[in-house]
Amino acid sequence: MNVRNIQKASIEEIVQEYEQAALAYGQALTAADHRAANRAHDRIASAYREIRSRAAASQLLPLLRREDENVRACVAAHALEFAPEQGEPVLLELAACPGRIRTRAEYTLKMWREGTLEFP
């Protein structure tokens, strides 16, 4: 979704774009396709910025219950900005899992606790 389209989209459509981008991000990481991962990350950031600009970040919170760990990790990381009491437990859970998601969750929590985590 490009900038013009995202600005015209409903919150529900933007949340769906966020979720689809997070899924694509996870798939790209699994495939070690850094170009696709960067494109997906840009889509996530764009959707998040638009959602936040509309003061609707809480609309992302239901995605914390999705099965896909990449979706949960992305939302949990962003939730640290507006609902840390909901984002942190999800990241702690993911940090206890084996695999790449563990490292992402650990570093996100580390940066947040150090005050160096930046949001798009």
PDB file of N, CA and C in Angstrom:
ATOM      1  N   MET A   1       0.863  -1.165   0.000  1.00  0.00           N
ATOM      2  CA  MET A   1       0.000   0.000   0.000  1.00  0.00           C
ATOM      3  C   MET A   1       0.909   1.228   0.000  1.00  0.00           C
ATOM      4  N   ASN A   2       0.745   2.111  -0.987  1.00  0.00           N
ATOM      5  CA  ASN A   2       1.596   3.294  -1.031  1.00  0.00           C
ATOM      6  C   ASN A   2       1.074   4.386  -0.098  1.00  0.00           C
ATOM      7  N   VAL A   3       1.839   5.452   0.046  1.00  0.00           N
ATOM      8  CA  VAL A   3       1.514   6.509   1.002  1.00  0.00           C
ATOM      9  C   VAL A   3       0.146   7.112   0.732  1.00  0.00           C
ATOM     10  N   ARG A   4      -0.141   7.383  -0.520  1.00  0.00           N
ATOM     11  CA  ARG A   4      -1.432   7.976  -0.864  1.00  0.00           C
ATOM     12  C   ARG A   4      -2.584   7.050  -0.492  1.00  0.00           C
ATOM     13  N   ASN A   5      -2.432   5.770  -0.805  1.00  0.00           N
ATOM     14  CA  ASN A   5      -3.488   4.806  -0.497  1.00  0.00           C
ATOM     15  C   ASN A   5      -3.654   4.591   0.997  1.00  0.00           C
ATOM     16  N   ILE A   6      -2.536   4.568   1.706  1.00  0.00           N
ATOM     17  CA  ILE A   6      -2.624   4.310   3.143  1.00  0.00           C
ATOM     18  C   ILE A   6      -3.319   5.474   3.852  1.00  0.00           C
ATOM     19  N   GLN A   7      -3.130   6.671   3.364  1.00  0.00           N
ATOM     20  CA  GLN A   7      -3.778   7.830   3.977  1.00  0.00           C
ATOM     21  C   GLN A   7      -5.283   7.826   3.744  1.00  0.00           C
ATOM     22  N   LYS A   8      -5.724   7.174   2.687  1.00  0.00           N
ATOM     23  CA  LYS A   8      -7.152   7.098   2.368  1.00  0.00           C
ATOM     24  C   LYS A   8      -7.817   5.852   2.951  1.00  0.00           C
ATOM     25  N   ALA A   9      -7.015   4.920   3.417  1.00  0.00           N
ATOM     26  CA  ALA A   9      -7.533   3.638   3.895  1.00  0.00           C
ATOM     27  C   ALA A   9      -8.176   3.784   5.274  1.00  0.00           C
ATOM     28  N   SER A  10      -9.067   2.867   5.564  1.00  0.00           N
ATOM     29  CA  SER A  10      -9.675   2.808   6.897  1.00  0.00           C
ATOM     30  C   SER A  10      -8.667   2.204   7.871  1.00  0.00           C
ATOM     31  N   ILE A  11      -8.911   2.396   9.147  1.00  0.00           N
ATOM     32  CA  ILE A  11      -8.048   1.796  10.175  1.00  0.00           C
ATOM     33  C   ILE A  11      -8.013   0.283  10.002  1.00  0.00           C
ATOM     34  N   GLU A  12      -9.150  -0.323   9.736  1.00  0.00           N
ATOM     35  CA  GLU A  12      -9.199  -1.775   9.566  1.00  0.00           C
ATOM     36  C   GLU A  12      -8.315  -2.211   8.402  1.00  0.00           C
ATOM     37  N   GLU A  13      -8.327  -1.464   7.312  1.00  0.00           N
ATOM     38  CA  GLU A  13      -7.489  -1.805   6.159  1.00  0.00           C
ATOM     39  C   GLU A  13      -6.007  -1.633   6.485  1.00  0.00           C
ATOM     40  N   ILE A  14      -5.682  -0.619   7.253  1.00  0.00           N
ATOM     41  CA  ILE A  14      -4.286  -0.391   7.610  1.00  0.00           C
ATOM     42  C   ILE A  14      -3.796  -1.470   8.577  1.00  0.00           C
ATOM     43  N   VAL A  15      -4.636  -1.868   9.511  1.00  0.00           N
ATOM     44  CA  VAL A  15      -4.273  -2.962  10.425  1.00  0.00           C
ATOM     45  C   VAL A  15      -4.050  -4.242   9.623  1.00  0.00           C
ATOM     46  N   GLN A  16      -4.887  -4.476   8.633  1.00  0.00           N
ATOM     47  CA  GLN A  16      -4.717  -5.651   7.780  1.00  0.00           C
ATOM     48  C   GLN A  16      -3.406  -5.554   6.997  1.00  0.00           C
ATOM     49  N   GLU A  17      -3.080  -4.382   6.480  1.00  0.00           N
ATOM     50  CA  GLU A  17      -1.812  -4.171   5.780  1.00  0.00           C
ATOM     51  C   GLU A  17      -0.643  -4.443   6.727  1.00  0.00           C
ATOM     52  N   TYR A  18      -0.734  -3.954   7.950  1.00  0.00           N
ATOM     53  CA  TYR A  18       0.305  -4.184   8.964  1.00  0.00           C
ATOM     54  C   TYR A  18       0.504  -5.690   9.160  1.00  0.00           C
ATOM     55  N   GLU A  19      -0.590  -6.395   9.352  1.00  0.00           N
ATOM     56  CA  GLU A  19      -0.502  -7.837   9.585  1.00  0.00           C
ATOM     57  C   GLU A  19       0.104  -8.558   8.385  1.00  0.00           C
ATOM     58  N   GLN A  20      -0.334  -8.227   7.191  1.00  0.00           N
ATOM     59  CA  GLN A  20       0.199  -8.863   5.987  1.00  0.00           C
ATOM     60  C   GLN A  20       1.684  -8.560   5.818  1.00  0.00           C
ATOM     61  N   ALA A  21       2.081  -7.328   6.125  1.00  0.00           N
ATOM     62  CA  ALA A  21       3.494  -6.958   6.037  1.00  0.00           C
ATOM     63  C   ALA A  21       4.320  -7.715   7.070  1.00  0.00           C
ATOM     64  N   ALA A  22       3.788  -7.892   8.268  1.00  0.00           N
ATOM     65  CA  ALA A  22       4.500  -8.649   9.305  1.00  0.00           C
ATOM     66  C   ALA A  22       4.661 -10.114   8.897  1.00  0.00           C
ATOM     67  N   LEU A  23       3.638 -10.676   8.271  1.00  0.00           N
ATOM     68  CA  LEU A  23       3.745 -12.044   7.760  1.00  0.00           C
ATOM     69  C   LEU A  23       4.830 -12.125   6.681  1.00  0.00           C
ATOM     70  N   ALA A  24       4.823 -11.165   5.772  1.00  0.00           N
ATOM     71  CA  ALA A  24       5.820 -11.129   4.698  1.00  0.00           C
ATOM     72  C   ALA A  24       7.228 -10.953   5.271  1.00  0.00           C
ATOM     73  N   TYR A  25       7.346 -10.151   6.324  1.00  0.00           N
ATOM     74  CA  TYR A  25       8.632  -9.931   6.976  1.00  0.00           C
ATOM     75  C   TYR A  25       9.176 -11.247   7.535  1.00  0.00           C
ATOM     76  N   GLY A  26       8.331 -11.984   8.218  1.00  0.00           N
ATOM     77  CA  GLY A  26       8.740 -13.270   8.767  1.00  0.00           C
ATOM     78  C   GLY A  26       9.148 -14.258   7.685  1.00  0.00           C
ATOM     79  N   GLN A  27       8.391 -14.300   6.606  1.00  0.00           N
ATOM     80  CA  GLN A  27       8.718 -15.198   5.497  1.00  0.00           C
ATOM     81  C   GLN A  27      10.049 -14.814   4.861  1.00  0.00           C
ATOM     82  N   ALA A  28      10.280 -13.518   4.710  1.00  0.00           N
ATOM     83  CA  ALA A  28      11.534 -13.053   4.114  1.00  0.00           C
ATOM     84  C   ALA A  28      12.723 -13.379   5.008  1.00  0.00           C
ATOM     85  N   LEU A  29      12.550 -13.234   6.314  1.00  0.00           N
ATOM     86  CA  LEU A  29      13.633 -13.579   7.232  1.00  0.00           C
ATOM     87  C   LEU A  29      13.947 -15.072   7.161  1.00  0.00           C
ATOM     88  N   THR A  30      12.903 -15.881   7.115  1.00  0.00           N
ATOM     89  CA  THR A  30      13.097 -17.330   7.014  1.00  0.00           C
ATOM     90  C   THR A  30      13.840 -17.699   5.737  1.00  0.00           C
ATOM     91  N   ALA A  31      13.532 -16.992   4.651  1.00  0.00           N
ATOM     92  CA  ALA A  31      14.171 -17.256   3.362  1.00  0.00           C
ATOM     93  C   ALA A  31      15.518 -16.548   3.219  1.00  0.00           C
ATOM     94  N   ALA A  32      15.925 -15.802   4.250  1.00  0.00           N
ATOM     95  CA  ALA A  32      17.164 -15.020   4.220  1.00  0.00           C
ATOM     96  C   ALA A  32      17.191 -14.065   3.030  1.00  0.00           C
ATOM     97  N   ASP A  33      16.037 -13.500   2.724  1.00  0.00           N
ATOM     98  CA  ASP A  33      15.897 -12.539   1.620  1.00  0.00           C
ATOM     99  C   ASP A  33      15.859 -11.135   2.227  1.00  0.00           C
ATOM    100  N   HIS A  34      17.023 -10.521   2.360  1.00  0.00           N
ATOM    101  CA  HIS A  34      17.096  -9.240   3.047  1.00  0.00           C
ATOM    102  C   HIS A  34      16.378  -8.127   2.297  1.00  0.00           C
ATOM    103  N   ARG A  35      16.342  -8.192   0.987  1.00  0.00           N
ATOM    104  CA  ARG A  35      15.624  -7.148   0.229  1.00  0.00           C
ATOM    105  C   ARG A  35      14.122  -7.213   0.502  1.00  0.00           C
ATOM    106  N   ALA A  36      13.572  -8.418   0.461  1.00  0.00           N
ATOM    107  CA  ALA A  36      12.144  -8.572   0.750  1.00  0.00           C
ATOM    108  C   ALA A  36      11.849  -8.222   2.206  1.00  0.00           C
ATOM    109  N   ALA A  37      12.757  -8.571   3.116  1.00  0.00           N
ATOM    110  CA  ALA A  37      12.570  -8.235   4.531  1.00  0.00           C
ATOM    111  C   ALA A  37      12.559  -6.719   4.720  1.00  0.00           C
ATOM    112  N   ASN A  38      13.457  -6.022   4.040  1.00  0.00           N
ATOM    113  CA  ASN A  38      13.493  -4.560   4.144  1.00  0.00           C
ATOM    114  C   ASN A  38      12.218  -3.929   3.587  1.00  0.00           C
ATOM    115  N   ARG A  39      11.732  -4.442   2.468  1.00  0.00           N
ATOM    116  CA  ARG A  39      10.475  -3.922   1.898  1.00  0.00           C
ATOM    117  C   ARG A  39       9.307  -4.155   2.851  1.00  0.00           C
ATOM    118  N   ALA A  40       9.242  -5.347   3.422  1.00  0.00           N
ATOM    119  CA  ALA A  40       8.163  -5.658   4.361  1.00  0.00           C
ATOM    120  C   ALA A  40       8.278  -4.784   5.608  1.00  0.00           C
ATOM    121  N   HIS A  41       9.491  -4.591   6.086  1.00  0.00           N
ATOM    122  CA  HIS A  41       9.697  -3.736   7.260  1.00  0.00           C
ATOM    123  C   HIS A  41       9.227  -2.306   6.971  1.00  0.00           C
ATOM    124  N   ASP A  42       9.517  -1.814   5.789  1.00  0.00           N
ATOM    125  CA  ASP A  42       9.061  -0.472   5.409  1.00  0.00           C
ATOM    126  C   ASP A  42       7.535  -0.389   5.398  1.00  0.00           C
ATOM    127  N   ARG A  43       6.890  -1.454   4.942  1.00  0.00           N
ATOM    128  CA  ARG A  43       5.417  -1.489   4.950  1.00  0.00           C
ATOM    129  C   ARG A  43       4.876  -1.475   6.377  1.00  0.00           C
ATOM    130  N   ILE A  44       5.503  -2.243   7.258  1.00  0.00           N
ATOM    131  CA  ILE A  44       5.091  -2.264   8.664  1.00  0.00           C
ATOM    132  C   ILE A  44       5.225  -0.866   9.259  1.00  0.00           C
ATOM    133  N   ALA A  45       6.374  -0.247   9.050  1.00  0.00           N
ATOM    134  CA  ALA A  45       6.628   1.087   9.609  1.00  0.00           C
ATOM    135  C   ALA A  45       5.641   2.111   9.062  1.00  0.00           C
ATOM    136  N   SER A  46       5.364   2.049   7.778  1.00  0.00           N
ATOM    137  CA  SER A  46       4.418   2.984   7.171  1.00  0.00           C
ATOM    138  C   SER A  46       3.022   2.821   7.760  1.00  0.00           C
ATOM    139  N   ALA A  47       2.591   1.582   7.893  1.00  0.00           N
ATOM    140  CA  ALA A  47       1.272   1.319   8.468  1.00  0.00           C
ATOM    141  C   ALA A  47       1.232   1.786   9.922  1.00  0.00           C
ATOM    142  N   TYR A  48       2.287   1.506  10.676  1.00  0.00           N
ATOM    143  CA  TYR A  48       2.308   1.910  12.074  1.00  0.00           C
ATOM    144  C   TYR A  48       2.266   3.438  12.214  1.00  0.00           C
ATOM    145  N   ARG A  49       3.038   4.127  11.398  1.00  0.00           N
ATOM    146  CA  ARG A  49       3.029   5.595  11.458  1.00  0.00           C
ATOM    147  C   ARG A  49       1.632   6.151  11.189  1.00  0.00           C
ATOM    148  N   GLU A  50       0.944   5.580  10.209  1.00  0.00           N
ATOM    149  CA  GLU A  50      -0.394   6.067   9.877  1.00  0.00           C
ATOM    150  C   GLU A  50      -1.381   5.756  11.006  1.00  0.00           C
ATOM    151  N   ILE A  51      -1.293   4.569  11.555  1.00  0.00           N
ATOM    152  CA  ILE A  51      -2.179   4.194  12.668  1.00  0.00           C
ATOM    153  C   ILE A  51      -1.926   5.112  13.861  1.00  0.00           C
ATOM    154  N   ARG A  52      -0.675   5.333  14.167  1.00  0.00           N
ATOM    155  CA  ARG A  52      -0.327   6.205  15.293  1.00  0.00           C
ATOM    156  C   ARG A  52      -0.776   7.644  15.030  1.00  0.00           C
ATOM    157  N   SER A  53      -0.641   8.120  13.802  1.00  0.00           N
ATOM    158  CA  SER A  53      -1.052   9.497  13.490  1.00  0.00           C
ATOM    159  C   SER A  53      -2.552   9.695  13.672  1.00  0.00           C
ATOM    160  N   ARG A  54      -3.301   8.613  13.605  1.00  0.00           N
ATOM    161  CA  ARG A  54      -4.748   8.674  13.799  1.00  0.00           C
ATOM    162  C   ARG A  54      -5.146   8.343  15.240  1.00  0.00           C
ATOM    163  N   ALA A  55      -4.155   8.243  16.112  1.00  0.00           N
ATOM    164  CA  ALA A  55      -4.385   7.906  17.521  1.00  0.00           C
ATOM    165  C   ALA A  55      -5.180   6.604  17.658  1.00  0.00           C
ATOM    166  N   ALA A  56      -4.821   5.613  16.830  1.00  0.00           N
ATOM    167  CA  ALA A  56      -5.546   4.346  16.820  1.00  0.00           C
ATOM    168  C   ALA A  56      -4.623   3.154  17.070  1.00  0.00           C
ATOM    169  N   ALA A  57      -3.488   3.386  17.713  1.00  0.00           N
ATOM    170  CA  ALA A  57      -2.524   2.305  17.926  1.00  0.00           C
ATOM    171  C   ALA A  57      -3.129   1.123  18.666  1.00  0.00           C
ATOM    172  N   SER A  58      -4.077   1.385  19.533  1.00  0.00           N
ATOM    173  CA  SER A  58      -4.692   0.286  20.295  1.00  0.00           C
ATOM    174  C   SER A  58      -5.405  -0.709  19.379  1.00  0.00           C
ATOM    175  N   GLN A  59      -5.699  -0.314  18.160  1.00  0.00           N
ATOM    176  CA  GLN A  59      -6.341  -1.226  17.206  1.00  0.00           C
ATOM    177  C   GLN A  59      -5.412  -2.373  16.797  1.00  0.00           C
ATOM    178  N   LEU A  60      -4.132  -2.239  17.072  1.00  0.00           N
ATOM    179  CA  LEU A  60      -3.180  -3.311  16.771  1.00  0.00           C
ATOM    180  C   LEU A  60      -3.182  -4.409  17.833  1.00  0.00           C
ATOM    181  N   LEU A  61      -3.624  -4.087  19.031  1.00  0.00           N
ATOM    182  CA  LEU A  61      -3.510  -5.027  20.150  1.00  0.00           C
ATOM    183  C   LEU A  61      -4.161  -6.387  19.915  1.00  0.00           C
ATOM    184  N   PRO A  62      -5.297  -6.501  19.220  1.00  0.00           N
ATOM    185  CA  PRO A  62      -5.840  -7.842  18.960  1.00  0.00           C
ATOM    186  C   PRO A  62      -4.880  -8.749  18.180  1.00  0.00           C
ATOM    187  N   LEU A  63      -3.940  -8.151  17.441  1.00  0.00           N
ATOM    188  CA  LEU A  63      -2.970  -8.961  16.694  1.00  0.00           C
ATOM    189  C   LEU A  63      -1.983  -9.670  17.621  1.00  0.00           C
ATOM    190  N   LEU A  64      -1.919  -9.261  18.878  1.00  0.00           N
ATOM    191  CA  LEU A  64      -1.049  -9.945  19.841  1.00  0.00           C
ATOM    192  C   LEU A  64      -1.491 -11.388  20.077  1.00  0.00           C
ATOM    193  N   ARG A  65      -2.716 -11.700  19.694  1.00  0.00           N
ATOM    194  CA  ARG A  65      -3.241 -13.062  19.885  1.00  0.00           C
ATOM    195  C   ARG A  65      -3.139 -13.909  18.614  1.00  0.00           C
ATOM    196  N   ARG A  66      -2.540 -13.381  17.574  1.00  0.00           N
ATOM    197  CA  ARG A  66      -2.403 -14.151  16.340  1.00  0.00           C
ATOM    198  C   ARG A  66      -1.450 -15.320  16.550  1.00  0.00           C
ATOM    199  N   GLU A  67      -1.639 -16.341  15.754  1.00  0.00           N
ATOM    200  CA  GLU A  67      -0.794 -17.531  15.848  1.00  0.00           C
ATOM    201  C   GLU A  67       0.633 -17.248  15.378  1.00  0.00           C
ATOM    202  N   ASP A  68       0.768 -16.435  14.339  1.00  0.00           N
ATOM    203  CA  ASP A  68       2.088 -16.186  13.763  1.00  0.00           C
ATOM    204  C   ASP A  68       2.963 -15.376  14.729  1.00  0.00           C
ATOM    205  N   GLU A  69       4.105 -15.927  15.049  1.00  0.00           N
ATOM    206  CA  GLU A  69       4.984 -15.275  16.019  1.00  0.00           C
ATOM    207  C   GLU A  69       5.589 -13.979  15.485  1.00  0.00           C
ATOM    208  N   ASN A  70       5.744 -13.863  14.180  1.00  0.00           N
ATOM    209  CA  ASN A  70       6.285 -12.627  13.605  1.00  0.00           C
ATOM    210  C   ASN A  70       5.299 -11.478  13.739  1.00  0.00           C
ATOM    211  N   VAL A  71       4.024 -11.765  13.558  1.00  0.00           N
ATOM    212  CA  VAL A  71       2.992 -10.746  13.753  1.00  0.00           C
ATOM    213  C   VAL A  71       2.992 -10.320  15.213  1.00  0.00           C
ATOM    214  N   ARG A  72       2.999 -11.290  16.112  1.00  0.00           N
ATOM    215  CA  ARG A  72       3.003 -10.970  17.547  1.00  0.00           C
ATOM    216  C   ARG A  72       4.235 -10.167  17.937  1.00  0.00           C
ATOM    217  N   ALA A  73       5.392 -10.530  17.385  1.00  0.00           N
ATOM    218  CA  ALA A  73       6.637  -9.825  17.721  1.00  0.00           C
ATOM    219  C   ALA A  73       6.600  -8.376  17.250  1.00  0.00           C
ATOM    220  N   CYS A  74       6.119  -8.136  16.053  1.00  0.00           N
ATOM    221  CA  CYS A  74       6.045  -6.766  15.528  1.00  0.00           C
ATOM    222  C   CYS A  74       5.094  -5.916  16.361  1.00  0.00           C
ATOM    223  N   VAL A  75       3.918  -6.448  16.629  1.00  0.00           N
ATOM    224  CA  VAL A  75       2.927  -5.694  17.407  1.00  0.00           C
ATOM    225  C   VAL A  75       3.430  -5.475  18.824  1.00  0.00           C
ATOM    226  N   ALA A  76       4.004  -6.498  19.425  1.00  0.00           N
ATOM    227  CA  ALA A  76       4.490  -6.365  20.796  1.00  0.00           C
ATOM    228  C   ALA A  76       5.572  -5.297  20.887  1.00  0.00           C
ATOM    229  N   ALA A  77       6.463  -5.260  19.911  1.00  0.00           N
ATOM    230  CA  ALA A  77       7.511  -4.237  19.908  1.00  0.00           C
ATOM    231  C   ALA A  77       6.902  -2.842  19.818  1.00  0.00           C
ATOM    232  N   HIS A  78       5.952  -2.652  18.918  1.00  0.00           N
ATOM    233  CA  HIS A  78       5.311  -1.342  18.812  1.00  0.00           C
ATOM    234  C   HIS A  78       4.471  -1.025  20.043  1.00  0.00           C
ATOM    235  N   ALA A  79       3.875  -2.042  20.630  1.00  0.00           N
ATOM    236  CA  ALA A  79       3.043  -1.827  21.819  1.00  0.00           C
ATOM    237  C   ALA A  79       3.859  -1.297  22.992  1.00  0.00           C
ATOM    238  N   LEU A  80       5.152  -1.524  22.999  1.00  0.00           N
ATOM    239  CA  LEU A  80       5.977  -0.977  24.069  1.00  0.00           C
ATOM    240  C   LEU A  80       5.863   0.538  24.133  1.00  0.00           C
ATOM    241  N   GLU A  81       5.524   1.157  23.020  1.00  0.00           N
ATOM    242  CA  GLU A  81       5.384   2.614  22.973  1.00  0.00           C
ATOM    243  C   GLU A  81       4.079   3.090  23.608  1.00  0.00           C
ATOM    244  N   PHE A  82       2.999   2.321  23.451  1.00  0.00           N
ATOM    245  CA  PHE A  82       1.688   2.814  23.894  1.00  0.00           C
ATOM    246  C   PHE A  82       0.966   1.887  24.878  1.00  0.00           C
ATOM    247  N   ALA A  83       1.396   0.646  24.987  1.00  0.00           N
ATOM    248  CA  ALA A  83       0.774  -0.306  25.921  1.00  0.00           C
ATOM    249  C   ALA A  83       1.823  -1.333  26.357  1.00  0.00           C
ATOM    250  N   PRO A  84       2.865  -0.866  27.056  1.00  0.00           N
ATOM    251  CA  PRO A  84       3.941  -1.800  27.431  1.00  0.00           C
ATOM    252  C   PRO A  84       3.467  -2.956  28.301  1.00  0.00           C
ATOM    253  N   GLU A  85       2.410  -2.752  29.059  1.00  0.00           N
ATOM    254  CA  GLU A  85       1.891  -3.820  29.911  1.00  0.00           C
ATOM    255  C   GLU A  85       1.315  -4.969  29.088  1.00  0.00           C
ATOM    256  N   GLN A  86       1.035  -4.729  27.822  1.00  0.00           N
ATOM    257  CA  GLN A  86       0.563  -5.799  26.940  1.00  0.00           C
ATOM    258  C   GLN A  86       1.670  -6.293  26.012  1.00  0.00           C
ATOM    259  N   GLY A  87       2.566  -5.424  25.608  1.00  0.00           N
ATOM    260  CA  GLY A  87       3.641  -5.817  24.701  1.00  0.00           C
ATOM    261  C   GLY A  87       4.752  -6.601  25.365  1.00  0.00           C
ATOM    262  N   GLU A  88       5.145  -6.175  26.557  1.00  0.00           N
ATOM    263  CA  GLU A  88       6.273  -6.825  27.230  1.00  0.00           C
ATOM    264  C   GLU A  88       6.041  -8.312  27.503  1.00  0.00           C
ATOM    265  N   PRO A  89       4.870  -8.730  28.019  1.00  0.00           N
ATOM    266  CA  PRO A  89       4.683 -10.173  28.259  1.00  0.00           C
ATOM    267  C   PRO A  89       4.782 -11.014  26.985  1.00  0.00           C
ATOM    268  N   VAL A  90       4.329 -10.477  25.883  1.00  0.00           N
ATOM    269  CA  VAL A  90       4.415 -11.217  24.618  1.00  0.00           C
ATOM    270  C   VAL A  90       5.873 -11.364  24.212  1.00  0.00           C
ATOM    271  N   LEU A  91       6.646 -10.302  24.346  1.00  0.00           N
ATOM    272  CA  LEU A  91       8.069 -10.383  24.013  1.00  0.00           C
ATOM    273  C   LEU A  91       8.804 -11.330  24.962  1.00  0.00           C
ATOM    274  N   LEU A  92       8.443 -11.331  26.218  1.00  0.00           N
ATOM    275  CA  LEU A  92       9.051 -12.271  27.164  1.00  0.00           C
ATOM    276  C   LEU A  92       8.736 -13.712  26.782  1.00  0.00           C
ATOM    277  N   GLU A  93       7.507 -13.939  26.365  1.00  0.00           N
ATOM    278  CA  GLU A  93       7.108 -15.283  25.911  1.00  0.00           C
ATOM    279  C   GLU A  93       7.911 -15.691  24.676  1.00  0.00           C
ATOM    280  N   LEU A  94       8.045 -14.772  23.719  1.00  0.00           N
ATOM    281  CA  LEU A  94       8.796 -15.072  22.500  1.00  0.00           C
ATOM    282  C   LEU A  94      10.289 -15.245  22.791  1.00  0.00           C
ATOM    283  N   ALA A  95      10.799 -14.523  23.780  1.00  0.00           N
ATOM    284  CA  ALA A  95      12.209 -14.651  24.154  1.00  0.00           C
ATOM    285  C   ALA A  95      12.514 -16.019  24.761  1.00  0.00           C
ATOM    286  N   ALA A  96      11.485 -16.719  25.193  1.00  0.00           N
ATOM    287  CA  ALA A  96      11.664 -18.062  25.752  1.00  0.00           C
ATOM    288  C   ALA A  96      11.541 -19.153  24.692  1.00  0.00           C
ATOM    289  N   CYS A  97      11.226 -18.766  23.457  1.00  0.00           N
ATOM    290  CA  CYS A  97      11.055 -19.723  22.361  1.00  0.00           C
ATOM    291  C   CYS A  97      12.392 -19.992  21.672  1.00  0.00           C
ATOM    292  N   PRO A  98      12.531 -21.171  21.098  1.00  0.00           N
ATOM    293  CA  PRO A  98      13.745 -21.432  20.319  1.00  0.00           C
ATOM    294  C   PRO A  98      13.668 -20.727  18.965  1.00  0.00           C
ATOM    295  N   GLY A  99      14.815 -20.519  18.366  1.00  0.00           N
ATOM    296  CA  GLY A  99      14.847 -19.979  17.011  1.00  0.00           C
ATOM    297  C   GLY A  99      15.132 -18.485  16.953  1.00  0.00           C
ATOM    298  N   ARG A 100      15.000 -17.942  15.730  1.00  0.00           N
ATOM    299  CA  ARG A 100      15.324 -16.540  15.480  1.00  0.00           C
ATOM    300  C   ARG A 100      14.449 -15.566  16.245  1.00  0.00           C
ATOM    301  N   ILE A 101      13.205 -15.936  16.453  1.00  0.00           N
ATOM    302  CA  ILE A 101      12.283 -15.022  17.119  1.00  0.00           C
ATOM    303  C   ILE A 101      12.780 -14.699  18.524  1.00  0.00           C
ATOM    304  N   ARG A 102      13.453 -15.651  19.120  1.00  0.00           N
ATOM    305  CA  ARG A 102      13.997 -15.451  20.468  1.00  0.00           C
ATOM    306  C   ARG A 102      14.968 -14.274  20.497  1.00  0.00           C
ATOM    307  N   THR A 103      15.892 -14.265  19.560  1.00  0.00           N
ATOM    308  CA  THR A 103      16.891 -13.200  19.496  1.00  0.00           C
ATOM    309  C   THR A 103      16.241 -11.847  19.250  1.00  0.00           C
ATOM    310  N   ARG A 104      15.295 -11.788  18.315  1.00  0.00           N
ATOM    311  CA  ARG A 104      14.588 -10.530  18.045  1.00  0.00           C
ATOM    312  C   ARG A 104      13.889 -10.014  19.291  1.00  0.00           C
ATOM    313  N   ALA A 105      13.203 -10.899  20.001  1.00  0.00           N
ATOM    314  CA  ALA A 105      12.468 -10.491  21.202  1.00  0.00           C
ATOM    315  C   ALA A 105      13.431 -10.032  22.294  1.00  0.00           C
ATOM    316  N   GLU A 106      14.519 -10.766  22.489  1.00  0.00           N
ATOM    317  CA  GLU A 106      15.496 -10.400  23.519  1.00  0.00           C
ATOM    318  C   GLU A 106      16.096  -9.022  23.248  1.00  0.00           C
ATOM    319  N   TYR A 107      16.494  -8.782  22.001  1.00  0.00           N
ATOM    320  CA  TYR A 107      17.108  -7.493  21.671  1.00  0.00           C
ATOM    321  C   TYR A 107      16.104  -6.345  21.747  1.00  0.00           C
ATOM    322  N   THR A 108      14.878  -6.603  21.359  1.00  0.00           N
ATOM    323  CA  THR A 108      13.858  -5.566  21.478  1.00  0.00           C
ATOM    324  C   THR A 108      13.664  -5.179  22.932  1.00  0.00           C
ATOM    325  N   LEU A 109      13.542  -6.164  23.795  1.00  0.00           N
ATOM    326  CA  LEU A 109      13.391  -5.889  25.226  1.00  0.00           C
ATOM    327  C   LEU A 109      14.620  -5.180  25.796  1.00  0.00           C
ATOM    328  N   LYS A 110      15.791  -5.627  25.402  1.00  0.00           N
ATOM    329  CA  LYS A 110      17.032  -5.015  25.881  1.00  0.00           C
ATOM    330  C   LYS A 110      17.075  -3.539  25.493  1.00  0.00           C
ATOM    331  N   MET A 111      16.812  -3.240  24.247  1.00  0.00           N
ATOM    332  CA  MET A 111      16.851  -1.850  23.775  1.00  0.00           C
ATOM    333  C   MET A 111      15.783  -1.013  24.478  1.00  0.00           C
ATOM    334  N   TRP A 112      14.603  -1.572  24.666  1.00  0.00           N
ATOM    335  CA  TRP A 112      13.517  -0.842  25.332  1.00  0.00           C
ATOM    336  C   TRP A 112      13.910  -0.509  26.769  1.00  0.00           C
ATOM    337  N   ARG A 113      14.456  -1.479  27.455  1.00  0.00           N
ATOM    338  CA  ARG A 113      14.845  -1.272  28.852  1.00  0.00           C
ATOM    339  C   ARG A 113      15.993  -0.270  28.984  1.00  0.00           C
ATOM    340  N   GLU A 114      16.854  -0.229  27.971  1.00  0.00           N
ATOM    341  CA  GLU A 114      17.968   0.735  27.974  1.00  0.00           C
ATOM    342  C   GLU A 114      17.528   2.118  27.494  1.00  0.00           C
ATOM    343  N   GLY A 115      16.308   2.201  26.959  1.00  0.00           N
ATOM    344  CA  GLY A 115      15.811   3.476  26.460  1.00  0.00           C
ATOM    345  C   GLY A 115      16.324   3.838  25.082  1.00  0.00           C
ATOM    346  N   THR A 116      16.800   2.845  24.337  1.00  0.00           N
ATOM    347  CA  THR A 116      17.347   3.128  23.006  1.00  0.00           C
ATOM    348  C   THR A 116      16.446   2.635  21.874  1.00  0.00           C
ATOM    349  N   LEU A 117      15.323   2.041  22.210  1.00  0.00           N
ATOM    350  CA  LEU A 117      14.408   1.557  21.182  1.00  0.00           C
ATOM    351  C   LEU A 117      13.722   2.742  20.531  1.00  0.00           C
ATOM    352  N   GLU A 118      13.814   2.809  19.203  1.00  0.00           N
ATOM    353  CA  GLU A 118      13.195   3.901  18.460  1.00  0.00           C
ATOM    354  C   GLU A 118      12.003   3.362  17.676  1.00  0.00           C
ATOM    355  N   PHE A 119      10.973   4.179  17.594  1.00  0.00           N
ATOM    356  CA  PHE A 119       9.755   3.813  16.868  1.00  0.00           C
ATOM    357  C   PHE A 119       9.669   4.635  15.598  1.00  0.00           C
ATOM    358  N   PRO A 120       9.141   4.018  14.516  1.00  0.00           N
ATOM    359  CA  PRO A 120       9.072   4.758  13.248  1.00  0.00           C
ATOM    360  C   PRO A 120       8.156   5.963  13.311  1.00  0.00           C
TER     361      PRO A 120
END
